[in-house]
Amino acid sequence: TFIWEGKDKTGKIVRGEMRCASEAVVNTTL
């Protein structure tokens, strides 16, 4: 389980969780 934080298309900060095999998969999916 990875906890992530990012920005959507409008620049708004969004947060969430994702269950993946690696951090690279999380970045790609986001």
Full PDB file with SEQRES, HELIX, SHEET, SSBOND, CRYST1, ORIGX, SCALE, CONECT and MASTER records, all heavy atoms in Angstrom:
SEQRES   1 A   30  THR PHE ILE TRP GLU GLY LYS ASP LYS THR GLY LYS ILE          
SEQRES   2 A   30  VAL ARG GLY GLU MET ARG CYS ALA SER GLU ALA VAL VAL          
SEQRES   3 A   30  ASN THR THR LEU                                              
HELIX    1 AA1 GLU A   23  THR A   29  1                                   7    
SHEET    1 AA1 2 PHE A   2  LYS A   7  0                                        
SHEET    2 AA1 2 ILE A  13  MET A  18 -1                                        
CRYST1    1.000    1.000    1.000  90.00  90.00  90.00 P 1           1          
ORIGX1      1.000000  0.000000  0.000000        0.00000                         
ORIGX2      0.000000  1.000000  0.000000        0.00000                         
ORIGX3      0.000000  0.000000  1.000000        0.00000                         
SCALE1      1.000000  0.000000  0.000000        0.00000                         
SCALE2      0.000000  1.000000  0.000000        0.00000                         
SCALE3      0.000000  0.000000  1.000000        0.00000                         
ATOM      1  N   THR A   1       0.851  -1.193   0.000  1.00  0.00           N  
ATOM      2  CA  THR A   1       0.000   0.000   0.000  1.00  0.00           C  
ATOM      3  C   THR A   1       0.884   1.239   0.000  1.00  0.00           C  
ATOM      4  O   THR A   1       1.753   1.390   0.859  1.00  0.00           O  
ATOM      5  CB  THR A   1      -0.921   0.009   1.223  1.00  0.00           C  
ATOM      6  OG1 THR A   1      -1.742  -1.166   1.213  1.00  0.00           O  
ATOM      7  CG2 THR A   1      -1.816   1.242   1.220  1.00  0.00           C  
ATOM      8  N   PHE A   2       0.663   2.115  -0.999  1.00  0.00           N  
ATOM      9  CA  PHE A   2       1.431   3.355  -1.117  1.00  0.00           C  
ATOM     10  C   PHE A   2       0.516   4.546  -0.844  1.00  0.00           C  
ATOM     11  O   PHE A   2      -0.634   4.580  -1.302  1.00  0.00           O  
ATOM     12  CB  PHE A   2       2.031   3.493  -2.522  1.00  0.00           C  
ATOM     13  CG  PHE A   2       3.129   2.505  -2.812  1.00  0.00           C  
ATOM     14  CD1 PHE A   2       2.828   1.259  -3.331  1.00  0.00           C  
ATOM     15  CD2 PHE A   2       4.453   2.820  -2.565  1.00  0.00           C  
ATOM     16  CE1 PHE A   2       3.829   0.327  -3.598  1.00  0.00           C  
ATOM     17  CE2 PHE A   2       5.457   1.915  -2.829  1.00  0.00           C  
ATOM     18  CZ  PHE A   2       5.153   0.666  -3.346  1.00  0.00           C  
ATOM     19  N   ILE A   3       1.020   5.490  -0.095  1.00  0.00           N  
ATOM     20  CA  ILE A   3       0.311   6.742   0.166  1.00  0.00           C  
ATOM     21  C   ILE A   3       0.900   7.799  -0.760  1.00  0.00           C  
ATOM     22  O   ILE A   3       2.119   8.011  -0.761  1.00  0.00           O  
ATOM     23  CB  ILE A   3       0.456   7.162   1.634  1.00  0.00           C  
ATOM     24  CG1 ILE A   3      -0.099   6.072   2.551  1.00  0.00           C  
ATOM     25  CG2 ILE A   3      -0.251   8.488   1.895  1.00  0.00           C  
ATOM     26  CD1 ILE A   3       0.149   6.334   4.026  1.00  0.00           C  
ATOM     27  N   TRP A   4       0.052   8.424  -1.570  1.00  0.00           N  
ATOM     28  CA  TRP A   4       0.561   9.369  -2.560  1.00  0.00           C  
ATOM     29  C   TRP A   4      -0.081  10.741  -2.395  1.00  0.00           C  
ATOM     30  O   TRP A   4      -1.155  10.887  -1.815  1.00  0.00           O  
ATOM     31  CB  TRP A   4       0.351   8.853  -3.984  1.00  0.00           C  
ATOM     32  CG  TRP A   4      -1.091   8.550  -4.327  1.00  0.00           C  
ATOM     33  CD1 TRP A   4      -1.715   7.349  -4.263  1.00  0.00           C  
ATOM     34  CD2 TRP A   4      -2.077   9.484  -4.790  1.00  0.00           C  
ATOM     35  NE1 TRP A   4      -3.023   7.454  -4.648  1.00  0.00           N  
ATOM     36  CE2 TRP A   4      -3.274   8.755  -4.985  1.00  0.00           C  
ATOM     37  CE3 TRP A   4      -2.073  10.849  -5.066  1.00  0.00           C  
ATOM     38  CZ2 TRP A   4      -4.438   9.355  -5.444  1.00  0.00           C  
ATOM     39  CZ3 TRP A   4      -3.240  11.456  -5.512  1.00  0.00           C  
ATOM     40  CH2 TRP A   4      -4.404  10.699  -5.699  1.00  0.00           C  
ATOM     41  N   GLU A   5       0.620  11.714  -2.927  1.00  0.00           N  
ATOM     42  CA  GLU A   5       0.126  13.098  -2.961  1.00  0.00           C  
ATOM     43  C   GLU A   5       0.515  13.682  -4.312  1.00  0.00           C  
ATOM     44  O   GLU A   5       1.638  13.484  -4.792  1.00  0.00           O  
ATOM     45  CB  GLU A   5       0.746  13.905  -1.828  1.00  0.00           C  
ATOM     46  CG  GLU A   5       0.274  15.353  -1.775  1.00  0.00           C  
ATOM     47  CD  GLU A   5       0.887  16.119  -0.624  1.00  0.00           C  
ATOM     48  OE1 GLU A   5       1.029  15.522   0.471  1.00  0.00           O  
ATOM     49  OE2 GLU A   5       1.235  17.299  -0.823  1.00  0.00           O  
ATOM     50  N   GLY A   6      -0.409  14.384  -4.954  1.00  0.00           N  
ATOM     51  CA  GLY A   6      -0.133  14.936  -6.262  1.00  0.00           C  
ATOM     52  C   GLY A   6      -1.027  16.124  -6.595  1.00  0.00           C  
ATOM     53  O   GLY A   6      -1.805  16.593  -5.749  1.00  0.00           O  
ATOM     54  N   LYS A   7      -0.907  16.600  -7.848  1.00  0.00           N  
ATOM     55  CA  LYS A   7      -1.708  17.728  -8.320  1.00  0.00           C  
ATOM     56  C   LYS A   7      -2.507  17.288  -9.542  1.00  0.00           C  
ATOM     57  O   LYS A   7      -1.969  16.623 -10.439  1.00  0.00           O  
ATOM     58  CB  LYS A   7      -0.814  18.909  -8.693  1.00  0.00           C  
ATOM     59  CG  LYS A   7      -0.067  19.513  -7.511  1.00  0.00           C  
ATOM     60  CD  LYS A   7       0.776  20.703  -7.942  1.00  0.00           C  
ATOM     61  CE  LYS A   7       1.522  21.324  -6.774  1.00  0.00           C  
ATOM     62  NZ  LYS A   7       2.339  22.487  -7.189  1.00  0.00           N  
ATOM     63  N   ASP A   8      -3.797  17.674  -9.545  1.00  0.00           N  
ATOM     64  CA  ASP A   8      -4.608  17.336 -10.709  1.00  0.00           C  
ATOM     65  C   ASP A   8      -4.405  18.391 -11.802  1.00  0.00           C  
ATOM     66  O   ASP A   8      -3.524  19.271 -11.702  1.00  0.00           O  
ATOM     67  CB  ASP A   8      -6.083  17.203 -10.318  1.00  0.00           C  
ATOM     68  CG  ASP A   8      -6.651  18.484  -9.730  1.00  0.00           C  
ATOM     69  OD1 ASP A   8      -5.963  19.534  -9.805  1.00  0.00           O  
ATOM     70  OD2 ASP A   8      -7.778  18.440  -9.199  1.00  0.00           O  
ATOM     71  N   LYS A   9      -5.222  18.342 -12.858  1.00  0.00           N  
ATOM     72  CA  LYS A   9      -5.048  19.241 -14.001  1.00  0.00           C  
ATOM     73  C   LYS A   9      -5.264  20.703 -13.654  1.00  0.00           C  
ATOM     74  O   LYS A   9      -4.750  21.602 -14.332  1.00  0.00           O  
ATOM     75  CB  LYS A   9      -6.008  18.827 -15.118  1.00  0.00           C  
ATOM     76  CG  LYS A   9      -5.697  17.442 -15.675  1.00  0.00           C  
ATOM     77  CD  LYS A   9      -6.696  17.042 -16.740  1.00  0.00           C  
ATOM     78  CE  LYS A   9      -6.385  15.661 -17.294  1.00  0.00           C  
ATOM     79  NZ  LYS A   9      -7.358  15.225 -18.322  1.00  0.00           N  
ATOM     80  N   THR A  10      -6.048  20.945 -12.577  1.00  0.00           N  
ATOM     81  CA  THR A  10      -6.304  22.334 -12.172  1.00  0.00           C  
ATOM     82  C   THR A  10      -5.279  22.842 -11.165  1.00  0.00           C  
ATOM     83  O   THR A  10      -5.371  23.981 -10.711  1.00  0.00           O  
ATOM     84  CB  THR A  10      -7.718  22.449 -11.567  1.00  0.00           C  
ATOM     85  OG1 THR A  10      -7.790  21.620 -10.379  1.00  0.00           O  
ATOM     86  CG2 THR A  10      -8.773  21.983 -12.557  1.00  0.00           C  
ATOM     87  N   GLY A  11      -4.329  21.989 -10.787  1.00  0.00           N  
ATOM     88  CA  GLY A  11      -3.320  22.378  -9.810  1.00  0.00           C  
ATOM     89  C   GLY A  11      -3.722  22.142  -8.374  1.00  0.00           C  
ATOM     90  O   GLY A  11      -2.997  22.507  -7.443  1.00  0.00           O  
ATOM     91  N   LYS A  12      -4.874  21.511  -8.168  1.00  0.00           N  
ATOM     92  CA  LYS A  12      -5.353  21.234  -6.817  1.00  0.00           C  
ATOM     93  C   LYS A  12      -4.606  20.041  -6.223  1.00  0.00           C  
ATOM     94  O   LYS A  12      -4.362  19.053  -6.910  1.00  0.00           O  
ATOM     95  CB  LYS A  12      -6.860  20.956  -6.856  1.00  0.00           C  
ATOM     96  CG  LYS A  12      -7.476  20.702  -5.494  1.00  0.00           C  
ATOM     97  CD  LYS A  12      -8.958  20.403  -5.630  1.00  0.00           C  
ATOM     98  CE  LYS A  12      -9.575  20.069  -4.282  1.00  0.00           C  
ATOM     99  NZ  LYS A  12     -11.012  19.728  -4.400  1.00  0.00           N  
ATOM    100  N   ILE A  13      -4.256  20.147  -4.933  1.00  0.00           N  
ATOM    101  CA  ILE A  13      -3.562  19.057  -4.248  1.00  0.00           C  
ATOM    102  C   ILE A  13      -4.561  17.934  -3.951  1.00  0.00           C  
ATOM    103  O   ILE A  13      -5.625  18.167  -3.357  1.00  0.00           O  
ATOM    104  CB  ILE A  13      -2.917  19.538  -2.938  1.00  0.00           C  
ATOM    105  CG1 ILE A  13      -1.854  20.604  -3.226  1.00  0.00           C  
ATOM    106  CG2 ILE A  13      -2.294  18.370  -2.174  1.00  0.00           C  
ATOM    107  CD1 ILE A  13      -0.650  20.075  -3.966  1.00  0.00           C  
ATOM    108  N   VAL A  14      -4.235  16.732  -4.377  1.00  0.00           N  
ATOM    109  CA  VAL A  14      -5.070  15.565  -4.106  1.00  0.00           C  
ATOM    110  C   VAL A  14      -4.205  14.506  -3.435  1.00  0.00           C  
ATOM    111  O   VAL A  14      -2.998  14.406  -3.677  1.00  0.00           O  
ATOM    112  CB  VAL A  14      -5.713  15.002  -5.394  1.00  0.00           C  
ATOM    113  CG1 VAL A  14      -6.777  15.935  -5.921  1.00  0.00           C  
ATOM    114  CG2 VAL A  14      -4.657  14.732  -6.453  1.00  0.00           C  
ATOM    115  N   ARG A  15      -4.825  13.704  -2.595  1.00  0.00           N  
ATOM    116  CA  ARG A  15      -4.123  12.651  -1.868  1.00  0.00           C  
ATOM    117  C   ARG A  15      -4.925  11.358  -1.942  1.00  0.00           C  
ATOM    118  O   ARG A  15      -6.128  11.380  -2.183  1.00  0.00           O  
ATOM    119  CB  ARG A  15      -3.910  13.035  -0.394  1.00  0.00           C  
ATOM    120  CG  ARG A  15      -3.087  14.293  -0.205  1.00  0.00           C  
ATOM    121  CD  ARG A  15      -2.969  14.625   1.272  1.00  0.00           C  
ATOM    122  NE  ARG A  15      -2.204  15.857   1.493  1.00  0.00           N  
ATOM    123  CZ  ARG A  15      -2.712  17.073   1.487  1.00  0.00           C  
ATOM    124  NH1 ARG A  15      -4.020  17.231   1.247  1.00  0.00           N  
ATOM    125  NH2 ARG A  15      -1.941  18.124   1.697  1.00  0.00           N  
ATOM    126  N   GLY A  16      -4.256  10.252  -1.710  1.00  0.00           N  
ATOM    127  CA  GLY A  16      -4.952   8.980  -1.734  1.00  0.00           C  
ATOM    128  C   GLY A  16      -4.014   7.822  -1.446  1.00  0.00           C  
ATOM    129  O   GLY A  16      -2.846   8.003  -1.090  1.00  0.00           O  
ATOM    130  N   GLU A  17      -4.543   6.629  -1.601  1.00  0.00           N  
ATOM    131  CA  GLU A  17      -3.784   5.405  -1.399  1.00  0.00           C  
ATOM    132  C   GLU A  17      -3.941   4.514  -2.612  1.00  0.00           C  
ATOM    133  O   GLU A  17      -4.966   4.546  -3.301  1.00  0.00           O  
ATOM    134  CB  GLU A  17      -4.273   4.658  -0.149  1.00  0.00           C  
ATOM    135  CG  GLU A  17      -4.032   5.389   1.150  1.00  0.00           C  
ATOM    136  CD  GLU A  17      -4.534   4.590   2.340  1.00  0.00           C  
ATOM    137  OE1 GLU A  17      -5.026   3.456   2.117  1.00  0.00           O  
ATOM    138  OE2 GLU A  17      -4.438   5.081   3.475  1.00  0.00           O  
ATOM    139  N   MET A  18      -2.938   3.686  -2.861  1.00  0.00           N  
ATOM    140  CA  MET A  18      -2.991   2.760  -3.989  1.00  0.00           C  
ATOM    141  C   MET A  18      -2.182   1.525  -3.615  1.00  0.00           C  
ATOM    142  O   MET A  18      -1.105   1.630  -3.022  1.00  0.00           O  
ATOM    143  CB  MET A  18      -2.426   3.410  -5.251  1.00  0.00           C  
ATOM    144  CG  MET A  18      -2.574   2.551  -6.500  1.00  0.00           C  
ATOM    145  SD  MET A  18      -1.878   3.360  -7.966  1.00  0.00           S  
ATOM    146  CE  MET A  18      -2.884   4.839  -8.060  1.00  0.00           C  
ATOM    147  N   ARG A  19      -2.715   0.375  -3.968  1.00  0.00           N  
ATOM    148  CA  ARG A  19      -2.015  -0.879  -3.691  1.00  0.00           C  
ATOM    149  C   ARG A  19      -1.395  -1.394  -4.982  1.00  0.00           C  
ATOM    150  O   ARG A  19      -2.100  -1.761  -5.919  1.00  0.00           O  
ATOM    151  CB  ARG A  19      -2.970  -1.902  -3.095  1.00  0.00           C  
ATOM    152  CG  ARG A  19      -2.257  -3.121  -2.533  1.00  0.00           C  
ATOM    153  CD  ARG A  19      -3.147  -3.915  -1.600  1.00  0.00           C  
ATOM    154  NE  ARG A  19      -2.449  -5.064  -1.065  1.00  0.00           N  
ATOM    155  CZ  ARG A  19      -1.629  -5.043  -0.030  1.00  0.00           C  
ATOM    156  NH1 ARG A  19      -1.437  -3.902   0.607  1.00  0.00           N  
ATOM    157  NH2 ARG A  19      -1.019  -6.128   0.398  1.00  0.00           N  
ATOM    158  N   CYS A  20      -0.074  -1.378  -5.037  1.00  0.00           N  
ATOM    159  CA  CYS A  20       0.656  -1.787  -6.239  1.00  0.00           C  
ATOM    160  C   CYS A  20       1.919  -2.528  -5.832  1.00  0.00           C  
ATOM    161  O   CYS A  20       2.268  -2.628  -4.652  1.00  0.00           O  
ATOM    162  CB  CYS A  20       1.021  -0.570  -7.087  1.00  0.00           C  
ATOM    163  SG  CYS A  20      -0.404   0.270  -7.799  1.00  0.00           S  
ATOM    164  N   ALA A  21       2.610  -3.020  -6.863  1.00  0.00           N  
ATOM    165  CA  ALA A  21       3.828  -3.787  -6.608  1.00  0.00           C  
ATOM    166  C   ALA A  21       5.024  -2.888  -6.343  1.00  0.00           C  
ATOM    167  O   ALA A  21       5.954  -3.278  -5.636  1.00  0.00           O  
ATOM    168  CB  ALA A  21       4.119  -4.713  -7.784  1.00  0.00           C  
ATOM    169  N   SER A  22       5.040  -1.676  -6.906  1.00  0.00           N  
ATOM    170  CA  SER A  22       6.198  -0.803  -6.734  1.00  0.00           C  
ATOM    171  C   SER A  22       5.774   0.658  -6.864  1.00  0.00           C  
ATOM    172  O   SER A  22       4.673   0.976  -7.324  1.00  0.00           O  
ATOM    173  CB  SER A  22       7.279  -1.126  -7.768  1.00  0.00           C  
ATOM    174  OG  SER A  22       6.824  -0.815  -9.068  1.00  0.00           O  
ATOM    175  N   GLU A  23       6.693   1.538  -6.497  1.00  0.00           N  
ATOM    176  CA  GLU A  23       6.426   2.977  -6.579  1.00  0.00           C  
ATOM    177  C   GLU A  23       6.296   3.427  -8.021  1.00  0.00           C  
ATOM    178  O   GLU A  23       5.516   4.344  -8.335  1.00  0.00           O  
ATOM    179  CB  GLU A  23       7.563   3.726  -5.876  1.00  0.00           C  
ATOM    180  CG  GLU A  23       7.359   5.226  -5.777  1.00  0.00           C  
ATOM    181  CD  GLU A  23       8.460   5.903  -4.995  1.00  0.00           C  
ATOM    182  OE1 GLU A  23       9.058   5.254  -4.105  1.00  0.00           O  
ATOM    183  OE2 GLU A  23       8.721   7.089  -5.284  1.00  0.00           O  
ATOM    184  N   ALA A  24       7.040   2.784  -8.933  1.00  0.00           N  
ATOM    185  CA  ALA A  24       6.978   3.148 -10.350  1.00  0.00           C  
ATOM    186  C   ALA A  24       5.586   2.902 -10.925  1.00  0.00           C  
ATOM    187  O   ALA A  24       5.085   3.695 -11.735  1.00  0.00           O  
ATOM    188  CB  ALA A  24       8.026   2.360 -11.136  1.00  0.00           C  
ATOM    189  N   VAL A  25       4.954   1.804 -10.489  1.00  0.00           N  
ATOM    190  CA  VAL A  25       3.601   1.508 -10.969  1.00  0.00           C  
ATOM    191  C   VAL A  25       2.626   2.575 -10.489  1.00  0.00           C  
ATOM    192  O   VAL A  25       1.717   2.992 -11.227  1.00  0.00           O  
ATOM    193  CB  VAL A  25       3.160   0.101 -10.501  1.00  0.00           C  
ATOM    194  CG1 VAL A  25       1.728  -0.190 -10.943  1.00  0.00           C  
ATOM    195  CG2 VAL A  25       4.102  -0.962 -11.027  1.00  0.00           C  
ATOM    196  N   VAL A  26       2.815   3.048  -9.261  1.00  0.00           N  
ATOM    197  CA  VAL A  26       1.948   4.106  -8.721  1.00  0.00           C  
ATOM    198  C   VAL A  26       2.086   5.375  -9.557  1.00  0.00           C  
ATOM    199  O   VAL A  26       1.082   5.994  -9.958  1.00  0.00           O  
ATOM    200  CB  VAL A  26       2.305   4.389  -7.245  1.00  0.00           C  
ATOM    201  CG1 VAL A  26       1.439   5.530  -6.706  1.00  0.00           C  
ATOM    202  CG2 VAL A  26       2.115   3.151  -6.401  1.00  0.00           C  
ATOM    203  N   ASN A  27       3.321   5.771  -9.860  1.00  0.00           N  
ATOM    204  CA  ASN A  27       3.551   6.980 -10.657  1.00  0.00           C  
ATOM    205  C   ASN A  27       2.930   6.869 -12.041  1.00  0.00           C  
ATOM    206  O   ASN A  27       2.289   7.803 -12.544  1.00  0.00           O  
ATOM    207  CB  ASN A  27       5.052   7.242 -10.781  1.00  0.00           C  
ATOM    208  CG  ASN A  27       5.671   7.692  -9.458  1.00  0.00           C  
ATOM    209  OD1 ASN A  27       5.019   8.363  -8.660  1.00  0.00           O  
ATOM    210  ND2 ASN A  27       6.919   7.321  -9.230  1.00  0.00           N  
ATOM    211  N   THR A  28       3.094   5.691 -12.666  1.00  0.00           N  
ATOM    212  CA  THR A  28       2.526   5.480 -14.007  1.00  0.00           C  
ATOM    213  C   THR A  28       1.017   5.557 -13.990  1.00  0.00           C  
ATOM    214  O   THR A  28       0.384   6.195 -14.846  1.00  0.00           O  
ATOM    215  CB  THR A  28       2.988   4.124 -14.558  1.00  0.00           C  
ATOM    216  OG1 THR A  28       4.418   4.072 -14.548  1.00  0.00           O  
ATOM    217  CG2 THR A  28       2.470   3.906 -15.963  1.00  0.00           C  
ATOM    218  N   THR A  29       0.407   4.892 -12.995  1.00  0.00           N  
ATOM    219  CA  THR A  29      -1.056   4.873 -12.900  1.00  0.00           C  
ATOM    220  C   THR A  29      -1.611   6.274 -12.657  1.00  0.00           C  
ATOM    221  O   THR A  29      -2.631   6.672 -13.241  1.00  0.00           O  
ATOM    222  CB  THR A  29      -1.500   3.927 -11.769  1.00  0.00           C  
ATOM    223  OG1 THR A  29      -0.919   2.635 -11.967  1.00  0.00           O  
ATOM    224  CG2 THR A  29      -3.008   3.797 -11.728  1.00  0.00           C  
ATOM    225  N   LEU A  30      -0.946   7.044 -11.804  1.00  0.00           N  
ATOM    226  CA  LEU A  30      -1.418   8.400 -11.512  1.00  0.00           C  
ATOM    227  C   LEU A  30      -1.319   9.293 -12.746  1.00  0.00           C  
ATOM    228  O   LEU A  30      -2.225  10.099 -13.020  1.00  0.00           O  
ATOM    229  CB  LEU A  30      -0.612   8.998 -10.356  1.00  0.00           C  
ATOM    230  CG  LEU A  30      -0.859   8.397  -8.964  1.00  0.00           C  
ATOM    231  CD1 LEU A  30       0.095   8.997  -7.938  1.00  0.00           C  
ATOM    232  CD2 LEU A  30      -2.303   8.630  -8.527  1.00  0.00           C  
TER     233      LEU A  30                                                      
MASTER        0    0    0    1    2    0    0    6  232    1    0    3          
END                                                                             
